Amino acid sequence: GDEKVGGGLVRVLESVCPRVADVKVTVKNLEKFNFAPKKDFILNRLVSGVLQVSAGTVVVLDELVLDEGKLTHKGIERLQAAGHFVKELSVQYDFGAYKMPFSCKALPVVLSHGRPLVMGADFVVPVDLPGGCGEGGQENSEENVPVAPEEELAQIRYFLGLCAAREGQRLLVGDSMNNRISADFADRRQQDKNLSIEDLQKWLALARARAFSLGEEELSVAVWRETLALEDKRKGREKLWESARATIMKEAAKQRKDAEAKKQKAQQEQQGAHQEGTKAGDPSVPPMQSG
């Protein structure tokens, strides 16, 4: 089920990351829990929130378990707080008359069937889970998600630790590389007018991560090309997902329309039969009334 998919991912992350927060985005949780810290003026203290986490925490916002229901104004505000957290990497502390943002070096991940309610993620990566099952046709439950041997997990933790240690370190970019980046961005912008400086900044962030993961301190042509190729592949998957989603939505709308037309036709036939029965039961000439 959807809950097991999210739980399986959390279990894998917990195997290699020091801190993981599993946040189930449901109507009940949005209505019940504070997502951002809020000042309690009666007790004169700050009440903690779900998104108040320590630096380096991987926060999994799981919308796969989202159920049907109606959100009140309070629930909508908490949903917006989650979106601000994802987009700005900060938490807005609620002091009643005003809100104050506090930066948070967390790592948010949003799981969703389609366009998420928690907006603001830099990248959308469609993931194909055929039938929601893993090998052998078994569901991806917390019990059977494959986890690497402890020796391999230790190596992964060590690698992630080395990457984290490079936080704040600048990646060297030579003049020739700068010229290539500018030229590539200009060429791609001619093909896609929707590209912006923000997209270029995201590419550079990916290239930096890729270079550091290889132990390089200066951006090379090879790493830059790999980064653009990965981004092209991700966008291709996103377009396929959008196309499939549009087809599904169109078919669903057609089915609803057909069902509504069938319902109206049945009502009209029933109404017509009722009218015929009424005519058959009444005299053709109304009775004379005595004076």
C-alpha atoms as a PDB file:
ATOM      1  CA  GLY A   1       0.000   0.000   0.000  1.00  0.00           C
ATOM      2  CA  ASP A   2       0.914   3.688  -0.162  1.00  0.00           C
ATOM      3  CA  GLU A   3       1.763   3.806   3.536  1.00  0.00           C
ATOM      4  CA  LYS A   4       4.221   0.924   3.109  1.00  0.00           C
ATOM      5  CA  VAL A   5       5.966   2.668   0.191  1.00  0.00           C
ATOM      6  CA  GLY A   6       6.627   5.762   2.293  1.00  0.00           C
ATOM      7  CA  GLY A   7       7.584   3.666   5.309  1.00  0.00           C
ATOM      8  CA  GLY A   8      10.018   1.644   3.215  1.00  0.00           C
ATOM      9  CA  LEU A   9      11.773   4.789   1.980  1.00  0.00           C
ATOM     10  CA  VAL A  10      12.025   6.112   5.530  1.00  0.00           C
ATOM     11  CA  ARG A  11      13.528   2.819   6.662  1.00  0.00           C
ATOM     12  CA  VAL A  12      16.210   2.999   3.951  1.00  0.00           C
ATOM     13  CA  LEU A  13      17.011   6.610   4.803  1.00  0.00           C
ATOM     14  CA  GLU A  14      17.270   5.769   8.496  1.00  0.00           C
ATOM     15  CA  SER A  15      19.865   3.142   7.586  1.00  0.00           C
ATOM     16  CA  VAL A  16      22.269   5.722   6.170  1.00  0.00           C
ATOM     17  CA  CYS A  17      21.263   9.111   7.598  1.00  0.00           C
ATOM     18  CA  PRO A  18      21.737  10.195  11.229  1.00  0.00           C
ATOM     19  CA  ARG A  19      18.391  11.993  11.535  1.00  0.00           C
ATOM     20  CA  VAL A  20      15.157  11.323   9.645  1.00  0.00           C
ATOM     21  CA  ALA A  21      11.710  12.805  10.363  1.00  0.00           C
ATOM     22  CA  ASP A  22       8.696  10.973   8.933  1.00  0.00           C
ATOM     23  CA  VAL A  23       5.863  13.502   8.557  1.00  0.00           C
ATOM     24  CA  LYS A  24       2.546  12.030   7.422  1.00  0.00           C
ATOM     25  CA  VAL A  25       0.598  14.732   5.578  1.00  0.00           C
ATOM     26  CA  THR A  26      -2.994  13.810   6.393  1.00  0.00           C
ATOM     27  CA  VAL A  27      -6.063  15.911   7.083  1.00  0.00           C
ATOM     28  CA  LYS A  28      -6.046  14.759  10.715  1.00  0.00           C
ATOM     29  CA  ASN A  29      -2.400  15.702  11.269  1.00  0.00           C
ATOM     30  CA  LEU A  30      -2.813  19.076   9.571  1.00  0.00           C
ATOM     31  CA  GLU A  31      -5.743  19.857  11.828  1.00  0.00           C
ATOM     32  CA  LYS A  32      -4.229  18.458  15.031  1.00  0.00           C
ATOM     33  CA  PHE A  33      -0.509  19.287  15.126  1.00  0.00           C
ATOM     34  CA  ASN A  34       1.450  22.511  14.870  1.00  0.00           C
ATOM     35  CA  PHE A  35       3.803  22.311  11.894  1.00  0.00           C
ATOM     36  CA  ALA A  36       5.632  25.479  12.932  1.00  0.00           C
ATOM     37  CA  PRO A  37       6.419  26.534  16.518  1.00  0.00           C
ATOM     38  CA  LYS A  38       3.769  28.784  18.038  1.00  0.00           C
ATOM     39  CA  LYS A  39       3.804  31.089  21.044  1.00  0.00           C
ATOM     40  CA  ASP A  40       1.456  30.104  23.868  1.00  0.00           C
ATOM     41  CA  PHE A  41       0.674  33.409  25.586  1.00  0.00           C
ATOM     42  CA  ILE A  42      -1.170  31.754  28.473  1.00  0.00           C
ATOM     43  CA  LEU A  43       1.804  29.584  29.454  1.00  0.00           C
ATOM     44  CA  ASN A  44       4.213  32.222  28.112  1.00  0.00           C
ATOM     45  CA  ARG A  45       6.289  29.705  26.200  1.00  0.00           C
ATOM     46  CA  LEU A  46       6.962  28.535  22.670  1.00  0.00           C
ATOM     47  CA  VAL A  47       5.217  25.300  21.687  1.00  0.00           C
ATOM     48  CA  SER A  48       7.350  23.205  19.326  1.00  0.00           C
ATOM     49  CA  GLY A  49       6.206  22.225  15.833  1.00  0.00           C
ATOM     50  CA  VAL A  50       6.626  19.209  13.566  1.00  0.00           C
ATOM     51  CA  LEU A  51       9.030  21.078  11.254  1.00  0.00           C
ATOM     52  CA  GLN A  52      11.271  22.260  14.098  1.00  0.00           C
ATOM     53  CA  VAL A  53      14.175  19.899  13.413  1.00  0.00           C
ATOM     54  CA  SER A  54      17.934  19.981  13.855  1.00  0.00           C
ATOM     55  CA  ALA A  55      20.349  20.715  11.028  1.00  0.00           C
ATOM     56  CA  GLY A  56      20.971  17.851   8.628  1.00  0.00           C
ATOM     57  CA  THR A  57      17.626  16.147   9.269  1.00  0.00           C
ATOM     58  CA  VAL A  58      15.996  14.499   6.258  1.00  0.00           C
ATOM     59  CA  VAL A  59      12.311  15.457   6.487  1.00  0.00           C
ATOM     60  CA  VAL A  60      10.027  13.149   4.487  1.00  0.00           C
ATOM     61  CA  LEU A  61       6.665  14.825   3.859  1.00  0.00           C
ATOM     62  CA  ASP A  62       4.515  11.860   2.876  1.00  0.00           C
ATOM     63  CA  GLU A  63       1.390  12.779   0.885  1.00  0.00           C
ATOM     64  CA  LEU A  64       0.871   9.194  -0.287  1.00  0.00           C
ATOM     65  CA  VAL A  65      -1.291   8.639   2.807  1.00  0.00           C
ATOM     66  CA  LEU A  66      -3.336  11.804   2.273  1.00  0.00           C
ATOM     67  CA  ASP A  67      -7.011  11.049   2.894  1.00  0.00           C
ATOM     68  CA  GLU A  68     -10.205  12.809   1.928  1.00  0.00           C
ATOM     69  CA  GLY A  69     -11.509  15.565   4.142  1.00  0.00           C
ATOM     70  CA  LYS A  70     -11.968  19.288   4.552  1.00  0.00           C
ATOM     71  CA  LEU A  71      -9.244  21.538   5.901  1.00  0.00           C
ATOM     72  CA  THR A  72     -10.083  24.446   8.127  1.00  0.00           C
ATOM     73  CA  HIS A  73      -8.205  27.738   8.001  1.00  0.00           C
ATOM     74  CA  LYS A  74      -5.810  26.347  10.584  1.00  0.00           C
ATOM     75  CA  GLY A  75      -5.043  23.278   8.469  1.00  0.00           C
ATOM     76  CA  ILE A  76      -4.475  25.389   5.355  1.00  0.00           C
ATOM     77  CA  GLU A  77      -2.035  27.600   7.265  1.00  0.00           C
ATOM     78  CA  ARG A  78      -0.062  24.539   8.353  1.00  0.00           C
ATOM     79  CA  LEU A  79       0.023  23.273   4.762  1.00  0.00           C
ATOM     80  CA  GLN A  80       1.373  26.648   3.670  1.00  0.00           C
ATOM     81  CA  ALA A  81       3.961  26.501   6.454  1.00  0.00           C
ATOM     82  CA  ALA A  82       5.155  23.161   5.074  1.00  0.00           C
ATOM     83  CA  GLY A  83       5.434  24.688   1.593  1.00  0.00           C
ATOM     84  CA  HIS A  84       7.464  27.608   2.947  1.00  0.00           C
ATOM     85  CA  PHE A  85       9.713  25.133   4.739  1.00  0.00           C
ATOM     86  CA  VAL A  86      10.397  23.216   1.505  1.00  0.00           C
ATOM     87  CA  LYS A  87      10.938  26.268  -0.699  1.00  0.00           C
ATOM     88  CA  GLU A  88      12.854  28.568   1.647  1.00  0.00           C
ATOM     89  CA  LEU A  89      14.452  26.024   4.017  1.00  0.00           C
ATOM     90  CA  SER A  90      13.179  28.045   6.935  1.00  0.00           C
ATOM     91  CA  VAL A  91      10.452  27.704   9.552  1.00  0.00           C
ATOM     92  CA  GLN A  92       8.103  30.594  10.297  1.00  0.00           C
ATOM     93  CA  TYR A  93       7.709  30.844  14.071  1.00  0.00           C
ATOM     94  CA  ASP A  94       4.223  32.091  14.933  1.00  0.00           C
ATOM     95  CA  PHE A  95       4.203  34.849  17.557  1.00  0.00           C
ATOM     96  CA  GLY A  96       0.543  35.749  17.080  1.00  0.00           C
ATOM     97  CA  ALA A  97       0.710  39.273  15.693  1.00  0.00           C
ATOM     98  CA  TYR A  98       3.608  38.404  13.401  1.00  0.00           C
ATOM     99  CA  LYS A  99       5.665  35.494  12.083  1.00  0.00           C
ATOM    100  CA  MET A 100       9.440  35.335  12.117  1.00  0.00           C
ATOM    101  CA  PRO A 101      11.375  32.998   9.782  1.00  0.00           C
ATOM    102  CA  PHE A 102      14.290  30.994  11.169  1.00  0.00           C
ATOM    103  CA  SER A 103      16.611  29.240   8.738  1.00  0.00           C
ATOM    104  CA  CYS A 104      16.783  25.470   8.976  1.00  0.00           C
ATOM    105  CA  LYS A 105      19.443  23.384   7.223  1.00  0.00           C
ATOM    106  CA  ALA A 106      17.131  20.439   6.692  1.00  0.00           C
ATOM    107  CA  LEU A 107      16.741  18.176   3.654  1.00  0.00           C
ATOM    108  CA  PRO A 108      13.055  18.016   2.653  1.00  0.00           C
ATOM    109  CA  VAL A 109      11.631  15.253   0.457  1.00  0.00           C
ATOM    110  CA  VAL A 110       7.990  15.281  -0.676  1.00  0.00           C
ATOM    111  CA  LEU A 111       6.239  12.049  -1.704  1.00  0.00           C
ATOM    112  CA  SER A 112       3.101  12.463  -3.782  1.00  0.00           C
ATOM    113  CA  HIS A 113       1.003  10.675  -6.405  1.00  0.00           C
ATOM    114  CA  GLY A 114       0.839  13.782  -8.589  1.00  0.00           C
ATOM    115  CA  ARG A 115       1.335  17.480  -8.109  1.00  0.00           C
ATOM    116  CA  PRO A 116       2.005  17.820  -4.385  1.00  0.00           C
ATOM    117  CA  LEU A 117      -0.036  19.982  -2.059  1.00  0.00           C
ATOM    118  CA  VAL A 118       3.221  20.903  -0.315  1.00  0.00           C
ATOM    119  CA  MET A 119       4.683  23.119  -3.020  1.00  0.00           C
ATOM    120  CA  GLY A 120       8.173  24.556  -3.401  1.00  0.00           C
ATOM    121  CA  ALA A 121      10.423  21.585  -4.244  1.00  0.00           C
ATOM    122  CA  ASP A 122      13.305  22.450  -6.581  1.00  0.00           C
ATOM    123  CA  PHE A 123      13.112  19.199  -8.529  1.00  0.00           C
ATOM    124  CA  VAL A 124      10.313  16.814  -9.457  1.00  0.00           C
ATOM    125  CA  VAL A 125      11.519  13.243 -10.021  1.00  0.00           C
ATOM    126  CA  PRO A 126       8.829  10.823 -11.259  1.00  0.00           C
ATOM    127  CA  VAL A 127       9.373   7.322  -9.856  1.00  0.00           C
ATOM    128  CA  ASP A 128       7.888   4.267 -11.513  1.00  0.00           C
ATOM    129  CA  LEU A 129       6.644   1.610  -9.085  1.00  0.00           C
ATOM    130  CA  PRO A 130       4.946  -1.038 -11.269  1.00  0.00           C
ATOM    131  CA  GLY A 131       1.946  -2.201  -9.311  1.00  0.00           C
ATOM    132  CA  GLY A 132       3.522  -0.858  -6.124  1.00  0.00           C
ATOM    133  CA  CYS A 133       5.461  -4.083  -5.814  1.00  0.00           C
ATOM    134  CA  GLY A 134       9.043  -5.124  -5.548  1.00  0.00           C
ATOM    135  CA  GLU A 135      10.724  -8.346  -6.586  1.00  0.00           C
ATOM    136  CA  GLY A 136       8.586 -11.445  -6.531  1.00  0.00           C
ATOM    137  CA  GLY A 137       5.378  -9.370  -6.625  1.00  0.00           C
ATOM    138  CA  GLN A 138       5.625  -8.491  -2.930  1.00  0.00           C
ATOM    139  CA  GLU A 139       4.645  -5.062  -1.719  1.00  0.00           C
ATOM    140  CA  ASN A 140       7.385  -2.668  -0.655  1.00  0.00           C
ATOM    141  CA  SER A 141       6.564  -2.974   3.022  1.00  0.00           C
ATOM    142  CA  GLU A 142       8.895  -2.002   5.847  1.00  0.00           C
ATOM    143  CA  GLU A 143       9.774  -5.664   6.353  1.00  0.00           C
ATOM    144  CA  ASN A 144      10.944  -6.561   2.845  1.00  0.00           C
ATOM    145  CA  VAL A 145      12.594  -3.374   1.548  1.00  0.00           C
ATOM    146  CA  PRO A 146      16.083  -4.575   0.595  1.00  0.00           C
ATOM    147  CA  VAL A 147      18.765  -3.064   2.801  1.00  0.00           C
ATOM    148  CA  ALA A 148      22.456  -3.431   1.968  1.00  0.00           C
ATOM    149  CA  PRO A 149      24.809  -5.354   4.280  1.00  0.00           C
ATOM    150  CA  GLU A 150      26.107  -3.379   7.233  1.00  0.00           C
ATOM    151  CA  GLU A 151      29.578  -3.060   5.703  1.00  0.00           C
ATOM    152  CA  GLU A 152      28.121  -1.376   2.605  1.00  0.00           C
ATOM    153  CA  LEU A 153      25.862   0.823   4.729  1.00  0.00           C
ATOM    154  CA  ALA A 154      28.905   1.969   6.688  1.00  0.00           C
ATOM    155  CA  GLN A 155      30.624   2.942   3.429  1.00  0.00           C
ATOM    156  CA  ILE A 156      27.556   4.896   2.323  1.00  0.00           C
ATOM    157  CA  ARG A 157      27.446   6.724   5.667  1.00  0.00           C
ATOM    158  CA  TYR A 158      31.133   7.557   5.346  1.00  0.00           C
ATOM    159  CA  PHE A 159      30.592   8.899   1.821  1.00  0.00           C
ATOM    160  CA  LEU A 160      27.625  11.036   2.907  1.00  0.00           C
ATOM    161  CA  GLY A 161      29.698  12.315   5.818  1.00  0.00           C
ATOM    162  CA  LEU A 162      32.476  13.420   3.461  1.00  0.00           C
ATOM    163  CA  CYS A 163      29.926  15.219   1.273  1.00  0.00           C
ATOM    164  CA  ALA A 164      28.418  16.957   4.296  1.00  0.00           C
ATOM    165  CA  ALA A 165      31.881  18.066   5.411  1.00  0.00           C
ATOM    166  CA  ARG A 166      32.218  20.034   2.172  1.00  0.00           C
ATOM    167  CA  GLU A 167      29.216  22.197   3.019  1.00  0.00           C
ATOM    168  CA  GLY A 168      30.108  25.822   2.458  1.00  0.00           C
ATOM    169  CA  GLN A 169      33.152  24.961   0.362  1.00  0.00           C
ATOM    170  CA  ARG A 170      33.283  26.778  -2.955  1.00  0.00           C
ATOM    171  CA  LEU A 171      33.655  24.937  -6.230  1.00  0.00           C
ATOM    172  CA  LEU A 172      36.341  26.422  -8.464  1.00  0.00           C
ATOM    173  CA  VAL A 173      35.109  27.428 -11.913  1.00  0.00           C
ATOM    174  CA  GLY A 174      37.670  28.565 -14.487  1.00  0.00           C
ATOM    175  CA  ASP A 175      37.144  31.299 -17.061  1.00  0.00           C
ATOM    176  CA  SER A 176      36.785  28.860 -19.953  1.00  0.00           C
ATOM    177  CA  MET A 177      34.255  26.851 -17.950  1.00  0.00           C
ATOM    178  CA  ASN A 178      32.313  30.025 -17.171  1.00  0.00           C
ATOM    179  CA  ASN A 179      32.153  30.818 -20.884  1.00  0.00           C
ATOM    180  CA  ARG A 180      30.913  27.312 -21.667  1.00  0.00           C
ATOM    181  CA  ILE A 181      28.223  27.528 -18.974  1.00  0.00           C
ATOM    182  CA  SER A 182      27.024  30.882 -20.329  1.00  0.00           C
ATOM    183  CA  ALA A 183      26.958  29.567 -23.891  1.00  0.00           C
ATOM    184  CA  ASP A 184      25.087  26.390 -22.910  1.00  0.00           C
ATOM    185  CA  PHE A 185      22.512  28.368 -20.948  1.00  0.00           C
ATOM    186  CA  ALA A 186      21.997  30.784 -23.854  1.00  0.00           C
ATOM    187  CA  ASP A 187      21.499  27.886 -26.304  1.00  0.00           C
ATOM    188  CA  ARG A 188      19.022  26.136 -24.036  1.00  0.00           C
ATOM    189  CA  ARG A 189      17.129  29.329 -23.376  1.00  0.00           C
ATOM    190  CA  GLN A 190      16.583  29.772 -27.114  1.00  0.00           C
ATOM    191  CA  GLN A 191      14.950  26.343 -27.145  1.00  0.00           C
ATOM    192  CA  ASP A 192      12.965  26.900 -23.949  1.00  0.00           C
ATOM    193  CA  LYS A 193      11.868  30.471 -23.210  1.00  0.00           C
ATOM    194  CA  ASN A 194      10.653  29.429 -19.739  1.00  0.00           C
ATOM    195  CA  LEU A 195      14.186  28.887 -18.472  1.00  0.00           C
ATOM    196  CA  SER A 196      15.327  31.398 -15.876  1.00  0.00           C
ATOM    197  CA  ILE A 197      18.382  32.255 -13.828  1.00  0.00           C
ATOM    198  CA  GLU A 198      16.919  30.077 -11.068  1.00  0.00           C
ATOM    199  CA  ASP A 199      17.217  27.050 -13.369  1.00  0.00           C
ATOM    200  CA  LEU A 200      20.871  27.874 -14.022  1.00  0.00           C
ATOM    201  CA  GLN A 201      21.485  28.153 -10.289  1.00  0.00           C
ATOM    202  CA  LYS A 202      19.922  24.722  -9.787  1.00  0.00           C
ATOM    203  CA  TRP A 203      22.168  23.237 -12.484  1.00  0.00           C
ATOM    204  CA  LEU A 204      25.220  24.747 -10.831  1.00  0.00           C
ATOM    205  CA  ALA A 205      24.152  23.327  -7.467  1.00  0.00           C
ATOM    206  CA  LEU A 206      23.816  19.871  -9.046  1.00  0.00           C
ATOM    207  CA  ALA A 207      27.189  20.230 -10.774  1.00  0.00           C
ATOM    208  CA  ARG A 208      28.788  21.245  -7.469  1.00  0.00           C
ATOM    209  CA  ALA A 209      27.319  18.205  -5.711  1.00  0.00           C
ATOM    210  CA  ARG A 210      28.432  15.923  -8.527  1.00  0.00           C
ATOM    211  CA  ALA A 211      31.982  17.306  -8.567  1.00  0.00           C
ATOM    212  CA  PHE A 212      32.388  17.024  -4.799  1.00  0.00           C
ATOM    213  CA  SER A 213      30.986  13.485  -4.843  1.00  0.00           C
ATOM    214  CA  LEU A 214      33.849  12.606  -7.209  1.00  0.00           C
ATOM    215  CA  GLY A 215      36.410  14.292  -4.987  1.00  0.00           C
ATOM    216  CA  GLU A 216      36.983  17.129  -7.454  1.00  0.00           C
ATOM    217  CA  GLU A 217      37.404  20.745  -6.359  1.00  0.00           C
ATOM    218  CA  GLU A 218      37.117  22.368  -9.792  1.00  0.00           C
ATOM    219  CA  LEU A 219      34.222  22.013 -12.219  1.00  0.00           C
ATOM    220  CA  SER A 220      35.215  20.070 -15.315  1.00  0.00           C
ATOM    221  CA  VAL A 221      33.579  19.864 -18.728  1.00  0.00           C
ATOM    222  CA  ALA A 222      32.794  16.182 -18.138  1.00  0.00           C
ATOM    223  CA  VAL A 223      30.934  16.867 -14.868  1.00  0.00           C
ATOM    224  CA  TRP A 224      29.035  19.778 -16.418  1.00  0.00           C
ATOM    225  CA  ARG A 225      27.926  17.614 -19.345  1.00  0.00           C
ATOM    226  CA  GLU A 226      26.884  14.821 -16.965  1.00  0.00           C
ATOM    227  CA  THR A 227      24.818  17.315 -14.984  1.00  0.00           C
ATOM    228  CA  LEU A 228      22.986  18.598 -18.062  1.00  0.00           C
ATOM    229  CA  ALA A 229      22.411  15.032 -19.284  1.00  0.00           C
ATOM    230  CA  LEU A 230      20.892  14.055 -15.937  1.00  0.00           C
ATOM    231  CA  GLU A 231      18.680  17.130 -15.978  1.00  0.00           C
ATOM    232  CA  ASP A 232      17.529  16.335 -19.531  1.00  0.00           C
ATOM    233  CA  LYS A 233      16.680  12.799 -18.449  1.00  0.00           C
ATOM    234  CA  ARG A 234      14.735  14.042 -15.423  1.00  0.00           C
ATOM    235  CA  LYS A 235      12.781  16.535 -17.532  1.00  0.00           C
ATOM    236  CA  GLY A 236      12.031  13.815 -20.073  1.00  0.00           C
ATOM    237  CA  ARG A 237      10.575  11.613 -17.345  1.00  0.00           C
ATOM    238  CA  GLU A 238       8.592  14.563 -16.019  1.00  0.00           C
ATOM    239  CA  LYS A 239       7.087  15.249 -19.468  1.00  0.00           C
ATOM    240  CA  LEU A 240       6.106  11.595 -19.829  1.00  0.00           C
ATOM    241  CA  TRP A 241       4.507  11.709 -16.398  1.00  0.00           C
ATOM    242  CA  GLU A 242       2.631  14.910 -17.264  1.00  0.00           C
ATOM    243  CA  SER A 243       1.381  13.345 -20.500  1.00  0.00           C
ATOM    244  CA  ALA A 244       0.254  10.169 -18.735  1.00  0.00           C
ATOM    245  CA  ARG A 245      -1.408  12.196 -15.998  1.00  0.00           C
ATOM    246  CA  ALA A 246      -3.264  14.329 -18.568  1.00  0.00           C
ATOM    247  CA  THR A 247      -4.505  11.173 -20.306  1.00  0.00           C
ATOM    248  CA  ILE A 248      -5.714   9.690 -17.016  1.00  0.00           C
ATOM    249  CA  MET A 249      -7.457  12.934 -16.022  1.00  0.00           C
ATOM    250  CA  LYS A 250      -9.117  13.162 -19.454  1.00  0.00           C
ATOM    251  CA  GLU A 251     -10.356   9.581 -19.240  1.00  0.00           C
ATOM    252  CA  ALA A 252     -11.623  10.126 -15.698  1.00  0.00           C
ATOM    253  CA  ALA A 253     -13.495  13.266 -16.801  1.00  0.00           C
ATOM    254  CA  LYS A 254     -15.032  11.327 -19.713  1.00  0.00           C
ATOM    255  CA  GLN A 255     -16.156   8.536 -17.381  1.00  0.00           C
ATOM    256  CA  ARG A 256     -17.746  11.069 -15.007  1.00  0.00           C
ATOM    257  CA  LYS A 257     -19.498  12.762 -17.927  1.00  0.00           C
ATOM    258  CA  ASP A 258     -20.793   9.429 -19.268  1.00  0.00           C
ATOM    259  CA  ALA A 259     -21.985   8.396 -15.823  1.00  0.00           C
ATOM    260  CA  GLU A 260     -23.796  11.716 -15.364  1.00  0.00           C
ATOM    261  CA  ALA A 261     -25.420  11.440 -18.799  1.00  0.00           C
ATOM    262  CA  LYS A 262     -26.528   7.885 -18.021  1.00  0.00           C
ATOM    263  CA  LYS A 263     -27.973   9.011 -14.709  1.00  0.00           C
ATOM    264  CA  GLN A 264     -29.889  11.883 -16.325  1.00  0.00           C
ATOM    265  CA  LYS A 265     -31.244   9.567 -19.025  1.00  0.00           C
ATOM    266  CA  ALA A 266     -32.460   7.100 -16.389  1.00  0.00           C
ATOM    267  CA  GLN A 267     -34.155   9.925 -14.484  1.00  0.00           C
ATOM    268  CA  GLN A 268     -35.849  11.187 -17.655  1.00  0.00           C
ATOM    269  CA  GLU A 269     -37.089   7.679 -18.518  1.00  0.00           C
ATOM    270  CA  GLN A 270     -38.405   7.221 -14.997  1.00  0.00           C
ATOM    271  CA  GLN A 271     -40.117  10.592 -15.095  1.00  0.00           C
ATOM    272  CA  GLY A 272     -41.658   9.784 -18.502  1.00  0.00           C
ATOM    273  CA  ALA A 273     -42.957   6.443 -17.239  1.00  0.00           C
ATOM    274  CA  HIS A 274     -44.477   8.154 -14.222  1.00  0.00           C
ATOM    275  CA  GLN A 275     -46.242  10.698 -16.423  1.00  0.00           C
ATOM    276  CA  GLU A 276     -47.634   7.928 -18.690  1.00  0.00           C
ATOM    277  CA  GLY A 277     -48.947   6.103 -15.648  1.00  0.00           C
ATOM    278  CA  THR A 278     -50.633   9.241 -14.365  1.00  0.00           C
ATOM    279  CA  LYS A 279     -52.391   9.832 -17.702  1.00  0.00           C
ATOM    280  CA  ALA A 280     -53.665   6.245 -17.813  1.00  0.00           C
ATOM    281  CA  GLY A 281     -55.153   6.470 -14.315  1.00  0.00           C
ATOM    282  CA  ASP A 282     -57.023   9.805 -14.742  1.00  0.00           C
ATOM    283  CA  PRO A 283     -60.380  10.267 -16.603  1.00  0.00           C
ATOM    284  CA  SER A 284     -60.045  12.005 -19.943  1.00  0.00           C
ATOM    285  CA  VAL A 285     -62.861  14.424 -19.034  1.00  0.00           C
ATOM    286  CA  PRO A 286     -62.945  16.033 -15.616  1.00  0.00           C
ATOM    287  CA  PRO A 287     -66.186  15.518 -13.630  1.00  0.00           C
ATOM    288  CA  MET A 288     -68.862  18.250 -13.687  1.00  0.00           C
ATOM    289  CA  GLN A 289     -69.258  20.137 -10.472  1.00  0.00           C
ATOM    290  CA  SER A 290     -72.820  20.728  -9.161  1.00  0.00           C
ATOM    291  CA  GLY A 291     -73.905  24.316  -8.847  1.00  0.00           C
END
